[in-house]
Amino acid sequence: MAASKFLGYKNINQVNNYVRDHPGYFPDPDVVEEMGTPERPYRKLLWRVQTLLDWKAARPGSGRYLTSERPAKALPAVPVDGDPDELLGATQAAALLGYKTVGSFSSSLAQGNLPLLQTPDALTEKGGRRRWTRKRILEQAAERRSRK
C-alpha cells in the first residue's frame, strides 16, 4: 500500500496486483515480514525507496517511454563457460539468453516463455531475489535457439 502511494498510483493495491498477477514485472521486495497467526499467516512486502525509484526510472511498459528518453542499461557480458552450478540473477540470465534488457527477460518469464526458469534454484537471503544456475540458463538458451 505504501509503495503504491509512493509511486503515485490511484489504486492503493496496484503494487500488490503487479506482484500477484505479473511476476517479474515489479522488483522483488527488499524485506518480507512474516506476520499474522499460525492459522491466518500473511506476508508484508517492503521496498526501499531507492528500489522503487530505480524501478520507476527504468520500468518496463508505457510509463517509461512517456517520461524519459533514456535508453535501457546495457546488460553485462556474462561468460558461457563459467561454473555450471554458479547461481546467476536476472541480469546475467537476460544476457545469456540474448535479451536486450532485464525488463524484456522478466516479461518473457512472466508470460511463461521460459519454462525451465519458472522455478528459481535459490532465493537470496537479503530481499529474496531469484537465482538460477548457469547450467539451467544455458539449457533454456539452447531450447530457445531450437525453437527459432
Protein backbone atom coordinates (compact mmCIF):
# COMPACT_ATOMS: atom_id res chain seq x y z
CA MET A 1 0.00 0.00 0.00
CA ALA A 2 2.76 2.48 0.91
CA ALA A 3 4.70 1.58 -2.26
CA SER A 4 1.60 2.26 -4.39
CA LYS A 5 1.11 5.63 -2.74
CA PHE A 6 4.80 6.48 -3.12
CA LEU A 7 4.65 5.70 -6.84
CA GLY A 8 1.52 7.84 -7.22
CA TYR A 9 -0.98 5.14 -8.15
CA LYS A 10 -4.66 5.92 -7.57
CA ASN A 11 -5.32 2.28 -6.70
CA ILE A 12 -3.54 1.66 -3.39
CA ASN A 13 -3.32 -2.06 -4.22
CA GLN A 14 -1.60 -1.55 -7.60
CA VAL A 15 1.79 -2.82 -6.43
CA ASN A 16 0.16 -5.87 -4.84
CA ASN A 17 -1.61 -6.50 -8.15
CA TYR A 18 1.70 -6.28 -10.05
CA VAL A 19 3.38 -8.70 -7.65
CA ARG A 20 0.48 -11.18 -7.67
CA ASP A 21 -0.60 -11.01 -11.31
CA HIS A 22 2.62 -10.15 -13.17
CA PRO A 23 5.60 -11.97 -11.62
CA GLY A 24 8.87 -10.46 -12.72
CA TYR A 25 7.39 -7.10 -13.73
CA PHE A 26 7.86 -5.37 -10.39
CA PRO A 27 11.09 -5.68 -8.39
CA ASP A 28 11.27 -8.28 -5.65
CA PRO A 29 10.69 -6.82 -2.17
CA ASP A 30 13.75 -5.82 -0.17
CA VAL A 31 12.18 -7.18 3.03
CA VAL A 32 9.48 -9.81 3.57
CA GLU A 33 7.95 -9.85 7.05
CA GLU A 34 6.03 -12.96 8.06
CA MET A 35 3.01 -11.77 10.04
CA GLY A 36 -0.34 -12.92 11.35
CA THR A 37 -1.09 -16.05 13.30
CA PRO A 38 -0.34 -19.69 12.50
CA GLU A 39 -3.98 -20.08 11.48
CA ARG A 40 -4.01 -16.94 9.32
CA PRO A 41 -0.47 -16.11 8.23
CA TYR A 42 0.34 -13.34 5.77
CA ARG A 43 3.41 -11.60 4.45
CA LYS A 44 4.17 -7.90 4.46
CA LEU A 45 6.27 -6.90 1.44
CA LEU A 46 8.53 -3.87 1.84
CA TRP A 47 10.66 -1.99 -0.69
CA ARG A 48 13.41 0.53 -0.08
CA VAL A 49 12.81 3.96 -1.57
CA GLN A 50 15.83 3.56 -3.86
CA THR A 51 14.47 0.25 -5.20
CA LEU A 52 11.20 1.97 -6.12
CA LEU A 53 12.99 4.97 -7.66
CA ASP A 54 15.26 2.71 -9.73
CA TRP A 55 12.28 0.70 -10.99
CA LYS A 56 10.28 3.83 -11.77
CA ALA A 57 13.20 5.32 -13.73
CA ALA A 58 13.66 2.21 -15.87
CA ARG A 59 10.29 0.50 -15.58
CA PRO A 60 9.18 -1.69 -18.42
CA GLY A 61 5.98 -0.69 -20.14
CA SER A 62 4.45 2.52 -21.45
CA GLY A 63 5.28 4.74 -18.49
CA ARG A 64 8.98 4.78 -19.23
CA TYR A 65 8.59 6.00 -22.78
CA LEU A 66 6.19 8.76 -21.85
CA THR A 67 8.51 10.26 -19.25
CA SER A 68 12.05 9.65 -20.41
CA GLU A 69 14.18 9.22 -23.48
CA ARG A 70 16.94 7.36 -21.64
CA PRO A 71 17.92 4.05 -23.21
CA ALA A 72 17.85 0.92 -21.09
CA LYS A 73 21.06 -0.04 -19.31
CA ALA A 74 23.29 -2.36 -21.33
CA LEU A 75 23.49 -5.88 -19.99
CA PRO A 76 26.88 -7.13 -18.80
CA ALA A 77 28.98 -9.62 -20.71
CA VAL A 78 28.48 -12.96 -18.98
CA PRO A 79 30.81 -15.85 -19.87
CA VAL A 80 29.12 -19.01 -21.10
CA ASP A 81 31.94 -21.24 -19.90
CA GLY A 82 31.80 -20.37 -16.19
CA ASP A 83 30.93 -22.72 -13.33
CA PRO A 84 27.71 -24.52 -14.35
CA ASP A 85 26.48 -24.57 -10.73
CA GLU A 86 27.06 -20.84 -10.15
CA LEU A 87 23.86 -19.01 -9.25
CA LEU A 88 23.09 -16.07 -11.52
CA GLY A 89 20.48 -13.33 -11.22
CA ALA A 90 18.03 -11.91 -13.73
CA THR A 91 20.55 -9.51 -15.27
CA GLN A 92 23.03 -12.29 -16.05
CA ALA A 93 20.23 -14.63 -17.19
CA ALA A 94 18.91 -11.96 -19.56
CA ALA A 95 22.38 -11.50 -21.05
CA LEU A 96 22.98 -15.25 -21.52
CA LEU A 97 19.55 -15.70 -23.10
CA GLY A 98 20.14 -12.88 -25.59
CA TYR A 99 17.61 -10.37 -24.28
CA LYS A 100 18.36 -6.68 -24.73
CA THR A 101 17.02 -5.67 -21.31
CA VAL A 102 16.22 -7.22 -17.94
CA GLY A 103 12.66 -5.95 -18.43
CA SER A 104 12.17 -7.97 -21.61
CA PHE A 105 13.58 -11.06 -19.85
CA SER A 106 11.24 -10.52 -16.87
CA SER A 107 8.29 -10.03 -19.17
CA SER A 108 9.05 -13.20 -21.10
CA LEU A 109 9.50 -15.12 -17.85
CA ALA A 110 6.16 -13.81 -16.54
CA GLN A 111 4.42 -14.83 -19.77
CA GLY A 112 5.64 -18.40 -19.37
CA ASN A 113 8.03 -18.29 -22.34
CA LEU A 114 10.94 -19.62 -20.26
CA PRO A 115 9.58 -22.86 -18.77
CA LEU A 116 12.95 -24.12 -17.48
CA LEU A 117 13.34 -20.97 -15.38
CA GLN A 118 9.84 -20.73 -13.89
CA THR A 119 11.12 -22.09 -10.59
CA PRO A 120 14.32 -20.46 -9.31
CA ASP A 121 17.14 -22.61 -7.95
CA ALA A 122 17.58 -20.26 -4.98
CA LEU A 123 16.42 -17.03 -3.43
CA THR A 124 18.86 -14.56 -1.92
CA GLU A 125 18.72 -14.22 1.82
CA LYS A 126 18.51 -10.46 1.58
CA GLY A 127 15.43 -9.49 -0.39
CA GLY A 128 14.55 -12.92 -1.78
CA ARG A 129 15.76 -12.22 -5.32
CA ARG A 130 15.57 -15.18 -7.71
CA ARG A 131 18.71 -17.03 -8.82
CA TRP A 132 19.20 -19.79 -11.40
CA THR A 133 22.20 -21.99 -12.13
CA ARG A 134 24.22 -21.14 -15.22
CA LYS A 135 23.53 -24.72 -16.42
CA ARG A 136 19.72 -24.22 -16.39
CA ILE A 137 20.00 -20.82 -18.05
CA LEU A 138 22.15 -22.28 -20.83
CA GLU A 139 19.71 -25.19 -21.24
CA GLN A 140 16.90 -22.64 -21.63
CA ALA A 141 19.02 -20.70 -24.16
CA ALA A 142 19.56 -23.88 -26.20
CA GLU A 143 15.83 -24.60 -26.15
CA ARG A 144 15.07 -21.05 -27.31
CA ARG A 145 17.53 -21.37 -30.20
CA SER A 146 15.99 -24.68 -31.29
CA ARG A 147 12.51 -23.08 -31.45
CA LYS A 148 13.63 -20.33 -33.83
